[in-house]
Protein backbone atom coordinates (compact mmCIF):
# COMPACT_ATOMS: atom_id res chain seq x y z
CA MET A 1 -20.26 -8.73 33.50
CA ARG A 2 -19.67 -5.99 30.98
CA ILE A 3 -17.25 -8.15 28.96
CA LEU A 4 -19.75 -10.99 28.86
CA LEU A 5 -22.41 -8.60 27.55
CA ILE A 6 -20.04 -7.38 24.83
CA VAL A 7 -19.12 -10.90 23.82
CA PHE A 8 -22.74 -11.94 23.82
CA MET A 9 -23.86 -8.98 21.74
CA THR A 10 -21.03 -9.46 19.27
CA ASN A 11 -21.72 -13.10 18.88
CA PHE A 12 -25.37 -12.25 18.35
CA LEU A 13 -24.53 -9.79 15.66
CA LEU A 14 -22.14 -12.19 13.94
CA THR A 15 -24.70 -15.01 13.78
CA THR A 16 -27.89 -13.15 12.80
CA SER A 17 -29.35 -12.63 9.37
CA ASN A 18 -28.05 -10.20 6.82
CA ALA A 19 -30.91 -7.80 7.40
CA ILE A 20 -29.90 -7.35 11.02
CA ASP A 21 -26.22 -7.21 9.97
CA GLU A 22 -26.97 -4.31 7.71
CA LYS A 23 -28.73 -2.42 10.50
CA TYR A 24 -25.69 -2.50 12.74
CA LYS A 25 -22.89 -2.55 10.13
CA LEU A 26 -20.70 0.51 9.80
CA PRO A 27 -19.68 0.74 6.14
CA ASN A 28 -16.27 2.14 5.28
CA ILE A 29 -15.07 2.28 8.89
CA GLN A 30 -11.72 0.86 9.85
CA PRO A 31 -10.33 0.40 13.34
CA LYS A 32 -7.90 3.24 12.79
CA ASP A 33 -10.87 5.55 12.05
CA LEU A 34 -12.39 4.64 15.37
CA VAL A 35 -9.16 5.42 17.22
CA ASN A 36 -8.95 8.76 15.36
CA GLU A 37 -12.47 9.51 16.55
CA GLY A 38 -11.48 8.95 20.19
CA TYR A 39 -12.54 5.32 20.69
CA LYS A 40 -10.32 3.26 23.00
CA LEU A 41 -9.46 -0.36 22.30
CA HIS A 42 -11.25 -2.32 25.03
CA ASN A 43 -10.23 -5.88 24.14
CA VAL A 44 -9.12 -8.25 21.44
CA ILE A 45 -10.58 -11.78 21.24
CA PRO A 46 -9.41 -14.47 18.74
CA ILE A 47 -12.21 -16.15 16.90
CA GLU A 48 -10.57 -19.50 16.55
CA SER A 49 -13.58 -21.15 14.94
CA GLU A 50 -13.14 -18.85 11.97
CA GLY A 51 -9.41 -19.33 11.66
CA PRO A 52 -6.16 -18.63 13.60
CA ARG A 53 -5.82 -15.02 12.39
CA ILE A 54 -9.40 -13.74 12.78
CA MET A 55 -9.84 -11.40 15.69
CA LEU A 56 -12.69 -9.44 17.33
CA TYR A 57 -11.63 -5.94 18.30
CA THR A 58 -14.04 -4.10 20.61
CA PHE A 59 -13.80 -0.30 20.99
CA THR A 60 -15.55 1.91 23.47
CA LYS A 61 -16.23 5.61 23.70
CA ASN A 62 -18.47 6.90 26.49
CA THR A 63 -21.55 4.69 26.17
CA LYS A 64 -20.88 3.58 22.63
CA ILE A 65 -19.48 0.13 21.72
CA VAL A 66 -18.18 -0.84 18.32
CA SER A 67 -16.87 -4.32 17.49
CA CYS A 68 -14.80 -5.14 14.40
CA VAL A 69 -14.11 -8.59 13.01
CA VAL A 70 -10.63 -8.26 11.56
CA GLU A 71 -8.83 -10.82 9.28
CA LEU A 72 -5.17 -10.15 9.96
CA ASP A 73 -4.01 -11.79 6.69
CA ALA A 74 -6.40 -9.88 4.49
CA MET A 75 -4.88 -8.65 1.28
CA PHE A 76 -7.87 -6.43 0.57
CA ALA A 77 -9.53 -3.44 2.08
CA ASP A 78 -12.53 -5.41 3.28
CA GLY A 79 -10.53 -7.51 5.67
CA HIS A 80 -12.66 -6.20 8.52
CA ILE A 81 -16.30 -5.56 9.31
CA CYS A 82 -17.34 -3.12 12.04
CA TYR A 83 -20.65 -3.10 13.91
CA ASN A 84 -22.22 -0.49 16.14
CA VAL A 85 -23.21 -2.77 18.99
CA THR A 86 -25.13 0.00 20.81
CA ASN A 87 -27.16 1.09 17.73
């Protein structure tokens, strides 16, 4: 049930308007920063509709959930976007 909620919330965030995106978006945060802050990797889900190397990483810490869309082939620093799902 919890995984379905995470997937639903993440899909909601990825498909909503830019105004909502900006509310939940965590600028300048990388997955390694989350790990350094004590977050644990909960799951990794491929987003096949976006391409074969686009993944959704979901991290948890206590009651906080952060999801990051990661482009594995990214040659630039913005190859990922992280959202605070529990904002």
